[in-house]
Amino acid sequence: MEDNKAGIKDEIPDKVSIVVRSQGYGELAFNVKTSHKLSKLTSRWCQHNGLDPKTVRFLTEEGQRLNPEDFIKDLDLDLEMDEEDGLMKGYINAHMEQIGGC
């Protein structure tokens, strides 16, 4: 099974579905080209939710912070086949920036 996952990561399609999850904002799916920068997706998500992109941090499911200047094809996302639309689907999490501590 791991061989299959590794093969899928090597063959990233031209278009994928990325689901952005956030506490308080739910889930929102975007069909995007893998040749686009992540900032295009994150800006659209922030605009949809009325948020300033500078106040939101995006992370993989494993908790690694994502750089908006990275290309979607270069992200280390666990992609799985979505039977409904036939696209590979991946998930990222959105968190509001928190400053300070005690």
C-alpha atoms as a PDB file:
ATOM      1  CA  MET A   1       0.000   0.000   0.000  1.00  0.00           C
ATOM      2  CA  GLU A   2       2.870   2.393   0.730  1.00  0.00           C
ATOM      3  CA  ASP A   3       4.260   1.752  -2.733  1.00  0.00           C
ATOM      4  CA  ASN A   4       0.939   2.919  -4.191  1.00  0.00           C
ATOM      5  CA  LYS A   5       0.977   6.134  -2.143  1.00  0.00           C
ATOM      6  CA  ALA A   6       4.545   6.854  -3.196  1.00  0.00           C
ATOM      7  CA  GLY A   7       3.563   6.311  -6.827  1.00  0.00           C
ATOM      8  CA  ILE A   8       0.657   8.731  -6.491  1.00  0.00           C
ATOM      9  CA  LYS A   9       2.914  11.446  -5.050  1.00  0.00           C
ATOM     10  CA  ASP A  10       5.300  11.031  -7.988  1.00  0.00           C
ATOM     11  CA  GLU A  11       2.436  11.488 -10.458  1.00  0.00           C
ATOM     12  CA  ILE A  12       0.761  14.700  -9.298  1.00  0.00           C
ATOM     13  CA  PRO A  13      -1.997  15.637 -11.753  1.00  0.00           C
ATOM     14  CA  ASP A  14      -2.452  19.054 -13.373  1.00  0.00           C
ATOM     15  CA  LYS A  15      -5.534  19.783 -11.261  1.00  0.00           C
ATOM     16  CA  VAL A  16      -6.395  18.789  -7.677  1.00  0.00           C
ATOM     17  CA  SER A  17      -9.061  19.518  -5.098  1.00  0.00           C
ATOM     18  CA  ILE A  18      -7.747  21.166  -1.920  1.00  0.00           C
ATOM     19  CA  VAL A  19     -10.065  21.293   1.093  1.00  0.00           C
ATOM     20  CA  VAL A  20      -9.294  24.035   3.615  1.00  0.00           C
ATOM     21  CA  ARG A  21     -10.490  23.184   7.121  1.00  0.00           C
ATOM     22  CA  SER A  22     -10.883  25.717   9.886  1.00  0.00           C
ATOM     23  CA  GLN A  23     -12.511  25.789  13.282  1.00  0.00           C
ATOM     24  CA  GLY A  24     -15.329  28.297  13.079  1.00  0.00           C
ATOM     25  CA  TYR A  25     -15.308  28.468   9.267  1.00  0.00           C
ATOM     26  CA  GLY A  26     -15.866  24.804   8.389  1.00  0.00           C
ATOM     27  CA  GLU A  27     -14.550  23.215   5.205  1.00  0.00           C
ATOM     28  CA  LEU A  28     -14.269  24.818   1.789  1.00  0.00           C
ATOM     29  CA  ALA A  29     -13.007  22.949  -1.290  1.00  0.00           C
ATOM     30  CA  PHE A  30     -11.093  24.529  -4.174  1.00  0.00           C
ATOM     31  CA  ASN A  31     -10.296  22.900  -7.512  1.00  0.00           C
ATOM     32  CA  VAL A  32      -6.905  24.341  -8.422  1.00  0.00           C
ATOM     33  CA  LYS A  33      -4.117  23.810 -10.918  1.00  0.00           C
ATOM     34  CA  THR A  34      -0.985  22.403  -9.335  1.00  0.00           C
ATOM     35  CA  SER A  35       1.114  24.934 -11.255  1.00  0.00           C
ATOM     36  CA  HIS A  36      -0.374  27.816  -9.218  1.00  0.00           C
ATOM     37  CA  LYS A  37       1.119  29.206  -6.039  1.00  0.00           C
ATOM     38  CA  LEU A  38      -0.594  28.392  -2.755  1.00  0.00           C
ATOM     39  CA  SER A  39      -1.146  32.139  -2.226  1.00  0.00           C
ATOM     40  CA  LYS A  40      -3.825  32.107  -4.926  1.00  0.00           C
ATOM     41  CA  LEU A  41      -5.837  29.542  -2.958  1.00  0.00           C
ATOM     42  CA  THR A  42      -5.214  31.119   0.456  1.00  0.00           C
ATOM     43  CA  SER A  43      -6.196  34.583  -0.787  1.00  0.00           C
ATOM     44  CA  ARG A  44      -9.450  33.225  -2.199  1.00  0.00           C
ATOM     45  CA  TRP A  45     -10.204  31.404   1.070  1.00  0.00           C
ATOM     46  CA  CYS A  46      -9.532  34.546   3.139  1.00  0.00           C
ATOM     47  CA  GLN A  47     -11.626  36.694   0.797  1.00  0.00           C
ATOM     48  CA  HIS A  48     -14.512  34.189   1.003  1.00  0.00           C
ATOM     49  CA  ASN A  49     -14.413  34.376   4.815  1.00  0.00           C
ATOM     50  CA  GLY A  50     -13.758  38.134   5.077  1.00  0.00           C
ATOM     51  CA  LEU A  51     -10.316  37.720   6.646  1.00  0.00           C
ATOM     52  CA  ASP A  52      -6.984  39.459   6.138  1.00  0.00           C
ATOM     53  CA  PRO A  53      -4.514  36.898   4.674  1.00  0.00           C
ATOM     54  CA  LYS A  54      -1.796  38.256   6.975  1.00  0.00           C
ATOM     55  CA  THR A  55      -3.736  37.022  10.031  1.00  0.00           C
ATOM     56  CA  VAL A  56      -4.177  33.397   8.915  1.00  0.00           C
ATOM     57  CA  ARG A  57      -1.644  30.554   8.980  1.00  0.00           C
ATOM     58  CA  PHE A  58      -2.038  27.451   6.825  1.00  0.00           C
ATOM     59  CA  LEU A  59      -0.718  24.051   7.876  1.00  0.00           C
ATOM     60  CA  THR A  60      -0.623  20.498   6.557  1.00  0.00           C
ATOM     61  CA  GLU A  61      -2.555  17.811   8.406  1.00  0.00           C
ATOM     62  CA  GLU A  62       0.730  16.894  10.120  1.00  0.00           C
ATOM     63  CA  GLY A  63       1.130  20.461  11.417  1.00  0.00           C
ATOM     64  CA  GLN A  64       3.836  21.729   9.046  1.00  0.00           C
ATOM     65  CA  ARG A  65       3.436  25.402   8.213  1.00  0.00           C
ATOM     66  CA  LEU A  66       2.863  26.131   4.524  1.00  0.00           C
ATOM     67  CA  ASN A  67       4.560  28.967   2.661  1.00  0.00           C
ATOM     68  CA  PRO A  68       2.085  30.859   0.421  1.00  0.00           C
ATOM     69  CA  GLU A  69       4.834  31.328  -2.193  1.00  0.00           C
ATOM     70  CA  ASP A  70       5.202  27.558  -2.716  1.00  0.00           C
ATOM     71  CA  PHE A  71       3.621  25.917  -5.732  1.00  0.00           C
ATOM     72  CA  ILE A  72       0.795  23.502  -5.006  1.00  0.00           C
ATOM     73  CA  LYS A  73       2.620  20.696  -6.851  1.00  0.00           C
ATOM     74  CA  ASP A  74       5.556  21.061  -4.412  1.00  0.00           C
ATOM     75  CA  LEU A  75       3.479  20.737  -1.229  1.00  0.00           C
ATOM     76  CA  ASP A  76       3.849  17.514   0.732  1.00  0.00           C
ATOM     77  CA  LEU A  77       0.122  16.752   0.940  1.00  0.00           C
ATOM     78  CA  ASP A  78      -1.371  13.285   1.287  1.00  0.00           C
ATOM     79  CA  LEU A  79      -3.561  13.141  -1.802  1.00  0.00           C
ATOM     80  CA  GLU A  80      -6.380  10.639  -2.166  1.00  0.00           C
ATOM     81  CA  MET A  81      -8.750   9.973  -5.050  1.00  0.00           C
ATOM     82  CA  ASP A  82     -12.160  11.647  -4.713  1.00  0.00           C
ATOM     83  CA  GLU A  83     -14.750   9.360  -6.304  1.00  0.00           C
ATOM     84  CA  GLU A  84     -17.307  12.167  -6.798  1.00  0.00           C
ATOM     85  CA  ASP A  85     -15.338  14.455  -9.103  1.00  0.00           C
ATOM     86  CA  GLY A  86     -12.448  12.177 -10.067  1.00  0.00           C
ATOM     87  CA  LEU A  87      -9.793  14.590  -8.768  1.00  0.00           C
ATOM     88  CA  MET A  88      -7.051  13.903  -6.267  1.00  0.00           C
ATOM     89  CA  LYS A  89      -8.005  15.540  -2.958  1.00  0.00           C
ATOM     90  CA  GLY A  90      -5.782  16.954  -0.226  1.00  0.00           C
ATOM     91  CA  TYR A  91      -6.465  18.795   3.030  1.00  0.00           C
ATOM     92  CA  ILE A  92      -4.889  21.820   4.692  1.00  0.00           C
ATOM     93  CA  ASN A  93      -5.819  23.529   7.944  1.00  0.00           C
ATOM     94  CA  ALA A  94      -6.288  27.258   8.492  1.00  0.00           C
ATOM     95  CA  HIS A  95      -5.593  28.826  11.894  1.00  0.00           C
ATOM     96  CA  MET A  96      -5.871  32.399  13.087  1.00  0.00           C
ATOM     97  CA  GLU A  97      -2.544  33.972  14.022  1.00  0.00           C
ATOM     98  CA  GLN A  98      -1.998  34.228  17.769  1.00  0.00           C
ATOM     99  CA  ILE A  99       0.452  36.692  19.258  1.00  0.00           C
ATOM    100  CA  GLY A 100       1.787  36.622  22.768  1.00  0.00           C
ATOM    101  CA  GLY A 101       1.403  34.230  25.635  1.00  0.00           C
ATOM    102  CA  CYS A 102       0.761  34.503  29.333  1.00  0.00           C
END
